[in-house]
N, C-alpha and C. Protein backbone atom coordinates (compact mmCIF):
# COMPACT_ATOMS: atom_id res chain seq x y z
N MET A 1 -11.89 176.86 46.19
CA MET A 1 -12.74 175.84 45.43
C MET A 1 -12.28 174.43 45.81
N THR A 2 -13.19 173.50 46.36
CA THR A 2 -12.96 172.10 46.63
C THR A 2 -13.29 171.45 45.46
N GLU A 3 -12.60 170.40 45.27
CA GLU A 3 -13.00 169.35 44.08
C GLU A 3 -14.23 168.79 44.54
N PRO A 4 -14.82 168.30 43.39
CA PRO A 4 -15.79 167.67 43.63
C PRO A 4 -15.84 166.21 43.91
N VAL A 5 -16.46 165.54 44.46
CA VAL A 5 -16.37 164.22 45.05
C VAL A 5 -16.92 163.42 43.46
N ILE A 6 -16.32 162.83 43.32
CA ILE A 6 -16.50 161.97 41.72
C ILE A 6 -16.85 160.40 41.77
N THR A 7 -17.76 160.06 41.41
CA THR A 7 -18.28 158.53 41.77
C THR A 7 -18.23 157.77 40.43
N ILE A 8 -17.27 156.82 40.14
CA ILE A 8 -17.82 155.93 38.95
C ILE A 8 -18.34 154.80 39.25
N ARG A 9 -19.39 154.47 38.21
CA ARG A 9 -20.11 153.27 38.77
C ARG A 9 -20.38 152.55 37.09
N PRO A 10 -21.05 151.43 36.94
CA PRO A 10 -21.32 150.73 35.69
C PRO A 10 -22.47 151.65 35.41
N GLY A 11 -22.65 151.63 34.01
CA GLY A 11 -24.31 152.16 33.39
C GLY A 11 -25.21 151.37 33.67
N ARG A 12 -26.34 151.86 33.55
CA ARG A 12 -27.33 151.36 33.63
C ARG A 12 -28.35 151.81 32.58
N LEU A 13 -29.67 151.06 32.07
CA LEU A 13 -30.37 151.31 31.12
C LEU A 13 -31.08 152.63 31.60
N SER A 14 -31.38 153.03 32.76
CA SER A 14 -31.85 154.17 33.24
C SER A 14 -31.13 155.37 33.15
N ASP A 15 -29.91 155.07 32.72
CA ASP A 15 -28.79 156.37 32.61
C ASP A 15 -28.95 157.05 30.81
N VAL A 16 -29.84 155.90 30.35
CA VAL A 16 -30.01 156.36 28.64
C VAL A 16 -30.40 157.90 28.52
N PRO A 17 -31.19 158.50 29.04
CA PRO A 17 -31.73 159.62 28.56
C PRO A 17 -30.60 160.79 28.89
N ALA A 18 -30.09 160.29 30.46
CA ALA A 18 -28.73 161.62 30.51
C ALA A 18 -27.77 161.18 29.91
N GLU A 19 -27.56 160.16 29.44
CA GLU A 19 -26.37 160.00 28.25
C GLU A 19 -26.95 160.41 26.76
N ALA A 20 -27.91 160.67 26.44
CA ALA A 20 -28.24 160.96 25.14
C ALA A 20 -28.12 162.60 25.16
N SER A 21 -28.45 162.90 26.41
CA SER A 21 -28.31 164.59 26.51
C SER A 21 -27.02 164.74 26.65
N LEU A 22 -25.80 163.95 27.08
CA LEU A 22 -24.40 164.31 27.09
C LEU A 22 -24.08 164.33 25.46
N ASN A 23 -24.63 163.26 24.90
CA ASN A 23 -24.21 163.21 23.43
C ASN A 23 -24.61 164.45 22.72
N HIS A 24 -25.72 164.62 22.71
CA HIS A 24 -26.56 165.51 21.76
C HIS A 24 -25.83 167.03 22.19
N ASP A 25 -25.18 167.21 23.60
CA ASP A 25 -24.33 168.69 23.67
C ASP A 25 -22.86 168.59 22.86
N THR A 26 -22.76 167.56 22.71
CA THR A 26 -21.55 167.16 21.72
C THR A 26 -21.64 167.62 20.48
N ASP A 27 -23.11 167.28 19.90
CA ASP A 27 -23.49 167.05 18.44
C ASP A 27 -23.01 165.65 17.94
N TRP A 28 -23.04 164.65 18.75
CA TRP A 28 -22.51 163.38 18.04
C TRP A 28 -23.93 162.67 17.20
N CYS A 29 -23.67 162.09 16.55
CA CYS A 29 -25.14 161.19 16.00
C CYS A 29 -25.37 160.02 16.78
N TYR A 30 -25.04 159.61 18.10
CA TYR A 30 -25.48 159.02 19.07
C TYR A 30 -26.16 159.84 20.29
N ASP A 31 -27.11 160.54 19.67
CA ASP A 31 -27.71 161.80 20.65
C ASP A 31 -29.19 161.29 20.92
N GLU A 32 -29.84 160.21 20.26
CA GLU A 32 -30.90 159.73 20.61
C GLU A 32 -31.09 158.78 21.56
N ALA A 33 -32.01 158.87 22.16
CA ALA A 33 -32.12 157.88 23.26
C ALA A 33 -32.00 156.52 22.81
N ASN A 34 -32.83 155.89 21.88
CA ASN A 34 -32.90 154.83 21.40
C ASN A 34 -31.68 154.20 20.95
N MET A 35 -30.88 155.07 20.21
CA MET A 35 -29.60 154.73 19.97
C MET A 35 -28.46 154.29 21.01
N VAL A 36 -28.79 155.12 22.35
CA VAL A 36 -27.94 154.90 23.40
C VAL A 36 -28.41 153.81 24.34
N ALA A 37 -29.56 153.55 24.21
CA ALA A 37 -30.27 152.36 24.49
C ALA A 37 -29.76 151.24 23.87
N GLU A 38 -29.76 151.09 22.58
CA GLU A 38 -29.31 149.93 21.53
C GLU A 38 -27.79 149.60 21.90
N TYR A 39 -26.88 150.67 22.20
CA TYR A 39 -25.22 150.48 22.61
C TYR A 39 -25.30 149.78 23.88
N HIS A 40 -26.14 150.28 24.68
CA HIS A 40 -26.29 149.45 26.10
C HIS A 40 -26.39 147.93 26.04
N ASP A 41 -27.38 147.70 24.99
CA ASP A 41 -28.17 146.30 24.78
C ASP A 41 -26.79 145.73 24.16
N ASP A 42 -26.33 146.21 22.80
CA ASP A 42 -25.05 145.76 22.42
C ASP A 42 -24.01 145.66 22.72
N ALA A 43 -23.55 146.07 23.87
CA ALA A 43 -22.32 145.96 24.44
C ALA A 43 -21.43 144.82 24.79
N TYR A 44 -20.28 144.67 24.43
CA TYR A 44 -19.48 143.51 24.07
C TYR A 44 -19.68 142.81 25.76
N GLU A 45 -19.73 143.61 26.60
CA GLU A 45 -20.07 143.14 27.99
C GLU A 45 -20.76 143.93 28.75
N PRO A 46 -21.69 143.51 29.89
CA PRO A 46 -22.49 144.57 30.19
C PRO A 46 -21.86 145.76 31.35
N SER A 47 -20.82 145.60 31.64
CA SER A 47 -20.26 146.64 32.41
C SER A 47 -19.53 147.76 31.65
N SER A 48 -19.51 147.60 30.17
CA SER A 48 -18.79 148.10 29.37
C SER A 48 -19.07 149.75 29.40
N VAL A 49 -20.22 150.46 29.67
CA VAL A 49 -20.36 151.72 29.90
C VAL A 49 -19.87 152.22 31.40
N LEU A 50 -19.07 153.19 31.46
CA LEU A 50 -18.52 153.88 33.02
C LEU A 50 -19.38 154.88 33.07
N ILE A 51 -20.02 155.12 34.07
CA ILE A 51 -20.51 156.59 34.33
C ILE A 51 -19.86 157.42 35.44
N ALA A 52 -19.67 158.69 35.30
CA ALA A 52 -19.42 159.58 36.21
C ALA A 52 -20.23 160.14 37.17
N GLU A 53 -20.38 160.51 38.44
CA GLU A 53 -21.62 161.20 38.82
C GLU A 53 -21.00 162.24 40.03
N VAL A 54 -21.55 163.31 40.20
CA VAL A 54 -21.09 164.29 40.87
C VAL A 54 -22.49 164.50 41.75
N ASP A 55 -22.53 164.29 43.20
CA ASP A 55 -23.72 164.76 43.70
C ASP A 55 -24.74 164.02 43.10
N GLY A 56 -24.46 162.57 42.93
CA GLY A 56 -25.63 161.75 42.10
C GLY A 56 -26.16 162.17 40.75
N LYS A 57 -25.47 163.09 40.46
CA LYS A 57 -25.99 163.52 38.89
C LYS A 57 -24.76 162.93 37.95
N LEU A 58 -25.76 162.59 36.29
CA LEU A 58 -24.27 162.14 36.03
C LEU A 58 -24.01 163.17 35.14
N VAL A 59 -22.74 163.08 34.94
CA VAL A 59 -21.84 164.24 34.61
C VAL A 59 -20.83 163.79 33.36
N GLY A 60 -20.34 162.38 33.03
CA GLY A 60 -19.87 162.08 32.08
C GLY A 60 -20.09 160.64 32.09
N LYS A 61 -19.24 159.95 30.80
CA LYS A 61 -19.53 158.32 30.66
C LYS A 61 -18.33 158.37 29.34
N LEU A 62 -17.94 156.85 29.76
CA LEU A 62 -17.38 156.42 28.47
C LEU A 62 -17.82 155.00 28.25
N GLU A 63 -17.37 154.45 27.15
CA GLU A 63 -17.47 153.21 27.09
C GLU A 63 -16.21 152.70 26.92
N LEU A 64 -16.01 151.22 27.58
CA LEU A 64 -14.81 150.68 27.34
C LEU A 64 -14.98 149.38 26.80
N PHE A 65 -14.58 148.86 25.40
CA PHE A 65 -14.84 147.41 25.08
C PHE A 65 -13.64 146.88 25.02
N ILE A 66 -13.76 145.30 25.50
CA ILE A 66 -12.40 144.63 25.51
C ILE A 66 -12.22 143.95 24.15
N ALA A 67 -11.50 144.04 23.38
CA ALA A 67 -11.23 143.84 21.99
C ALA A 67 -10.12 142.59 22.09
N TRP A 68 -9.89 141.63 21.03
CA TRP A 68 -8.68 140.96 20.91
C TRP A 68 -7.98 141.10 19.65
N LYS A 69 -6.55 141.32 19.52
CA LYS A 69 -5.63 141.19 18.30
C LYS A 69 -4.87 139.93 18.76
N SER A 70 -4.49 139.06 17.37
CA SER A 70 -3.96 137.69 17.76
C SER A 70 -2.66 138.32 18.05
N ILE A 71 -1.90 139.47 17.67
CA ILE A 71 -0.48 139.49 18.07
C ILE A 71 -0.32 139.87 19.50
N TYR A 72 -1.33 140.67 20.05
CA TYR A 72 -1.28 141.41 21.49
C TYR A 72 -2.31 140.87 22.68
N GLY A 73 -3.06 140.20 22.31
CA GLY A 73 -4.27 139.63 22.90
C GLY A 73 -5.13 140.29 23.29
N LYS A 74 -5.42 140.64 24.08
CA LYS A 74 -7.24 141.62 24.79
C LYS A 74 -6.22 142.92 24.80
N PHE A 75 -7.24 144.04 24.39
CA PHE A 75 -6.85 145.36 24.37
C PHE A 75 -8.23 146.04 24.83
N GLY A 76 -8.03 147.28 25.09
CA GLY A 76 -9.18 148.03 25.37
C GLY A 76 -9.54 148.89 24.51
N VAL A 77 -10.84 149.54 24.24
CA VAL A 77 -10.81 150.64 23.13
C VAL A 77 -12.19 151.17 24.12
N ILE A 78 -11.43 152.76 23.89
CA ILE A 78 -12.40 154.04 24.70
C ILE A 78 -13.13 154.52 23.52
N ARG A 79 -14.54 154.64 23.78
CA ARG A 79 -15.44 155.04 23.01
C ARG A 79 -16.30 155.75 23.36
N ARG A 80 -16.90 156.89 22.94
CA ARG A 80 -17.94 157.88 22.95
C ARG A 80 -17.90 158.55 24.65
N PHE A 81 -16.79 159.10 24.43
CA PHE A 81 -16.00 159.60 26.02
C PHE A 81 -16.73 161.00 26.15
N VAL A 82 -17.47 161.30 27.23
CA VAL A 82 -17.90 162.74 26.97
C VAL A 82 -18.09 162.99 28.14
N VAL A 83 -17.76 164.17 29.30
CA VAL A 83 -17.76 164.78 30.52
C VAL A 83 -18.94 166.33 30.04
N HIS A 84 -19.88 166.33 30.65
CA HIS A 84 -20.73 167.58 30.39
C HIS A 84 -19.97 168.96 30.70
N SER A 85 -20.24 169.81 30.06
CA SER A 85 -19.52 171.19 29.72
C SER A 85 -19.38 171.61 31.13
N GLU A 86 -20.12 171.95 31.99
CA GLU A 86 -19.93 172.14 33.29
C GLU A 86 -18.99 171.71 34.01
N HIS A 87 -18.85 170.59 34.06
CA HIS A 87 -17.77 169.63 34.83
C HIS A 87 -16.40 169.59 34.25
N ARG A 88 -16.14 170.16 33.08
CA ARG A 88 -15.06 169.65 32.48
C ARG A 88 -13.95 170.51 33.25
N SER A 89 -12.47 170.07 33.11
CA SER A 89 -11.48 170.91 33.88
C SER A 89 -11.31 170.69 35.19
N GLN A 90 -12.26 169.66 35.93
CA GLN A 90 -12.67 169.42 37.30
C GLN A 90 -12.42 167.93 37.79
N GLY A 91 -11.47 167.27 36.78
CA GLY A 91 -10.86 166.02 37.29
C GLY A 91 -11.64 164.72 36.87
N VAL A 92 -13.17 164.75 36.30
CA VAL A 92 -14.23 163.87 36.09
C VAL A 92 -13.40 163.19 34.73
N GLY A 93 -13.28 163.88 33.86
CA GLY A 93 -12.31 162.76 32.84
C GLY A 93 -11.29 161.82 33.12
N ARG A 94 -10.37 162.62 33.92
CA ARG A 94 -9.41 162.01 34.72
C ARG A 94 -9.77 160.75 35.59
N VAL A 95 -10.70 160.92 36.47
CA VAL A 95 -11.22 159.70 37.40
C VAL A 95 -11.94 158.55 36.38
N LEU A 96 -12.56 158.93 35.18
CA LEU A 96 -13.18 158.13 34.30
C LEU A 96 -12.09 157.31 33.61
N PHE A 97 -11.07 158.21 33.05
CA PHE A 97 -10.17 157.38 32.44
C PHE A 97 -9.09 156.62 33.30
N ASP A 98 -9.00 157.03 34.79
CA ASP A 98 -8.32 156.07 35.79
C ASP A 98 -9.04 154.76 35.80
N ALA A 99 -10.43 154.72 36.03
CA ALA A 99 -11.48 153.57 36.14
C ALA A 99 -11.31 152.58 35.10
N ALA A 100 -11.24 153.22 33.65
CA ALA A 100 -11.22 152.21 32.47
C ALA A 100 -9.95 151.87 32.50
N THR A 101 -8.76 152.35 33.22
CA THR A 101 -7.46 151.92 32.71
C THR A 101 -7.44 150.56 33.76
N GLU A 102 -7.95 151.03 34.83
CA GLU A 102 -7.74 149.71 35.95
C GLU A 102 -8.70 148.69 35.39
N LEU A 103 -9.98 148.91 34.92
CA LEU A 103 -10.62 147.82 34.35
C LEU A 103 -10.09 147.25 33.57
N ALA A 104 -9.32 147.72 32.28
CA ALA A 104 -8.77 147.18 31.15
C ALA A 104 -7.60 146.38 31.95
N ARG A 105 -6.77 146.92 32.89
CA ARG A 105 -5.70 145.95 33.34
C ARG A 105 -6.38 144.79 34.35
N GLU A 106 -7.36 144.88 34.87
CA GLU A 106 -7.72 143.82 35.29
C GLU A 106 -8.29 142.56 34.53
N SER A 107 -8.94 143.28 33.54
CA SER A 107 -9.22 142.29 32.34
C SER A 107 -8.18 141.81 31.59
N GLY A 108 -6.66 141.81 31.75
CA GLY A 108 -5.86 141.30 31.21
C GLY A 108 -5.49 142.07 30.00
N CYS A 109 -5.66 143.35 29.68
CA CYS A 109 -5.69 144.17 28.43
C CYS A 109 -4.06 144.39 28.09
N SER A 110 -3.25 144.37 27.03
CA SER A 110 -2.23 144.72 26.82
C SER A 110 -2.02 146.27 26.63
N PHE A 111 -3.06 146.89 26.20
CA PHE A 111 -2.94 148.37 25.77
C PHE A 111 -4.25 149.14 25.81
N ILE A 112 -4.65 150.09 25.68
CA ILE A 112 -5.84 150.73 25.50
C ILE A 112 -5.55 151.78 24.20
N GLU A 113 -6.91 151.55 23.46
CA GLU A 113 -6.60 152.75 22.32
C GLU A 113 -8.00 153.52 21.99
N LEU A 114 -7.83 154.47 21.49
CA LEU A 114 -9.10 155.40 21.31
C LEU A 114 -8.93 156.22 19.76
N SER A 115 -10.04 156.58 19.47
CA SER A 115 -9.85 157.62 18.15
C SER A 115 -10.03 159.17 18.70
N VAL A 116 -9.75 160.10 17.80
CA VAL A 116 -9.90 161.51 18.34
C VAL A 116 -9.80 162.31 16.93
N ASP A 117 -10.74 163.30 16.86
CA ASP A 117 -10.73 164.13 15.81
C ASP A 117 -9.53 164.68 15.95
N VAL A 118 -8.69 164.72 14.71
CA VAL A 118 -7.39 165.44 14.47
C VAL A 118 -7.46 166.75 14.55
N THR A 119 -8.66 167.74 14.07
CA THR A 119 -8.82 169.08 14.35
C THR A 119 -9.23 169.71 15.43
N ASN A 120 -9.54 168.50 16.55
CA ASN A 120 -9.72 169.11 17.86
C ASN A 120 -8.60 168.67 18.85
N PRO A 121 -7.60 170.06 19.03
CA PRO A 121 -6.55 169.97 20.06
C PRO A 121 -6.75 170.03 21.45
N ILE A 122 -8.07 170.15 21.71
CA ILE A 122 -8.38 169.92 23.23
C ILE A 122 -8.42 168.55 23.88
N PRO A 123 -8.93 167.67 23.36
CA PRO A 123 -8.82 166.39 23.82
C PRO A 123 -7.78 165.85 23.43
N HIS A 124 -7.27 166.43 22.50
CA HIS A 124 -5.49 165.75 22.19
C HIS A 124 -4.55 166.17 23.27
N SER A 125 -4.81 167.28 23.80
CA SER A 125 -3.98 167.40 25.09
C SER A 125 -4.14 166.63 26.09
N PHE A 126 -5.78 166.49 26.61
CA PHE A 126 -6.28 166.02 27.48
C PHE A 126 -5.53 164.13 27.45
N TYR A 127 -5.57 163.61 26.10
CA TYR A 127 -5.05 162.42 26.26
C TYR A 127 -3.71 162.10 26.17
N HIS A 128 -3.14 163.05 25.98
CA HIS A 128 -1.58 163.00 26.08
C HIS A 128 -1.13 162.92 27.53
N ARG A 129 -2.00 163.88 28.49
CA ARG A 129 -2.06 164.05 29.87
C ARG A 129 -2.15 162.69 30.40
N GLN A 130 -3.01 161.75 29.62
CA GLN A 130 -3.44 160.51 30.33
C GLN A 130 -2.32 159.56 30.10
N GLY A 131 -1.66 159.55 29.20
CA GLY A 131 -0.34 158.69 28.53
C GLY A 131 -0.68 158.14 27.00
N PHE A 132 -1.52 158.67 26.52
CA PHE A 132 -1.72 158.49 25.22
C PHE A 132 -0.84 158.81 24.05
N ARG A 133 -0.48 158.42 23.22
CA ARG A 133 0.21 158.67 22.19
C ARG A 133 -0.43 158.20 20.62
N GLU A 134 -0.02 159.37 19.89
CA GLU A 134 -0.55 158.95 18.32
C GLU A 134 -0.18 157.66 18.11
N ASP A 135 -0.80 156.94 17.39
CA ASP A 135 -0.38 155.45 16.40
C ASP A 135 -0.41 155.66 15.19
N ARG A 136 -1.42 156.22 14.65
CA ARG A 136 -1.36 156.18 13.45
C ARG A 136 -2.88 157.39 13.15
N VAL A 137 -2.85 158.01 11.88
CA VAL A 137 -3.88 158.63 11.45
C VAL A 137 -4.81 158.25 10.55
N GLU A 138 -5.95 158.31 10.63
CA GLU A 138 -6.89 157.81 9.57
C GLU A 138 -7.87 159.23 9.15
N VAL A 139 -8.18 158.99 7.81
CA VAL A 139 -9.19 160.24 6.97
C VAL A 139 -10.42 159.82 6.93
N LEU A 140 -11.48 160.22 7.49
CA LEU A 140 -12.45 159.90 7.37
C LEU A 140 -13.16 160.95 6.03
N MET A 141 -13.71 159.44 5.05
CA MET A 141 -13.89 160.02 3.51
C MET A 141 -15.65 159.90 3.53
N ARG A 142 -16.45 160.84 2.77
CA ARG A 142 -17.78 160.65 2.79
C ARG A 142 -18.09 160.72 1.20
N LYS A 143 -19.11 160.03 0.72
CA LYS A 143 -19.54 160.35 -0.74
C LYS A 143 -20.79 160.26 -0.54
N PRO A 144 -21.36 161.65 -0.73
CA PRO A 144 -22.78 162.00 -1.21
C PRO A 144 -23.47 161.32 -1.82
N LEU A 145 -24.61 161.02 -1.55
CA LEU A 145 -25.57 160.11 -2.11
C LEU A 145 -26.82 160.61 -2.63
N THR A 146 -27.35 161.88 -2.31
CA THR A 146 -27.92 162.71 -2.34
C THR A 146 -27.35 163.95 -2.93
N GLU A 147 -28.44 165.23 -3.18
CA GLU A 147 -28.06 166.73 -3.31
C GLU A 147 -27.63 167.27 -2.23
N GLN A 148 -28.02 166.61 -1.15
CA GLN A 148 -27.77 167.54 0.42
C GLN A 148 -26.62 167.17 1.04
N ASP A 149 -25.70 168.63 1.20
CA ASP A 149 -24.59 168.59 1.78
C ASP A 149 -24.36 167.60 2.75
N ALA A 150 -23.27 166.85 2.77
CA ALA A 150 -23.15 166.15 3.63
C ALA A 150 -21.76 165.98 4.49
N SER A 151 -21.48 167.60 4.38
CA SER A 151 -20.02 167.87 4.73
C SER A 151 -19.98 168.14 6.54
N SER A 152 -18.71 167.58 6.86
CA SER A 152 -18.90 167.79 8.43
C SER A 152 -19.19 168.98 8.73
N ASN A 153 -19.62 168.96 10.32
CA ASN A 153 -19.86 170.62 10.54
C ASN A 153 -18.85 170.80 11.05
N TYR A 154 -17.73 170.34 11.46
CA TYR A 154 -16.19 170.88 12.07
C TYR A 154 -15.78 171.88 10.86
N ALA A 155 -15.74 173.20 11.18
CA ALA A 155 -15.17 174.29 10.42
C ALA A 155 -13.90 173.98 10.10
N ALA A 156 -13.11 173.36 11.09
CA ALA A 156 -11.35 173.32 11.15
C ALA A 156 -11.44 172.11 9.92
N GLN A 157 -12.15 171.45 9.92
CA GLN A 157 -11.98 170.21 8.96
C GLN A 157 -12.45 170.44 7.70
N ARG A 158 -13.30 171.48 7.50
CA ARG A 158 -13.79 171.77 6.29
C ARG A 158 -12.66 172.85 5.53
N ASP A 159 -12.27 173.84 6.47
CA ASP A 159 -11.00 174.41 6.07
C ASP A 159 -9.68 173.90 5.40
N GLU A 160 -9.54 172.81 6.08
CA GLU A 160 -8.27 171.99 6.15
C GLU A 160 -8.17 171.18 4.97
N PHE A 161 -9.45 170.64 4.48
CA PHE A 161 -9.59 169.53 3.50
C PHE A 161 -10.27 170.20 2.23
N ALA A 162 -10.36 171.78 2.39
CA ALA A 162 -11.24 172.30 1.19
C ALA A 162 -10.27 172.36 -0.10
């Protein structure tokens, strides 16, 4: 099997429906087209959305925001990274991360950070292969404001913290 030709480019507003579909497949709350369009509009810099294409089809994305810490200066924050399920384990994520790393380096960043669900080992393994290491662990806490169950849909989280 030959490796696919993966092209990375800046995101465009016209990508919003495909991005929303990718997000919806991962059950993220950013799965509605109007939400994705708002993130394009509110991005810290216009090219913060990176798109991966294979044969002209959008198959992955991530957002790289450039931020600032008084001690370290500029740093990159990767958010909303997703690769279509049919294109995982084909190098798409690695190529996206390489592009984001180079963009952060060119922007003068001293490091890149991201957050990942502690109960999901597959992304942990991928991020480790990309050179990321754990820095700290945070706990997401929820306070229900109605009678509706507001628990996470992640079974592993519910079992671990029940």
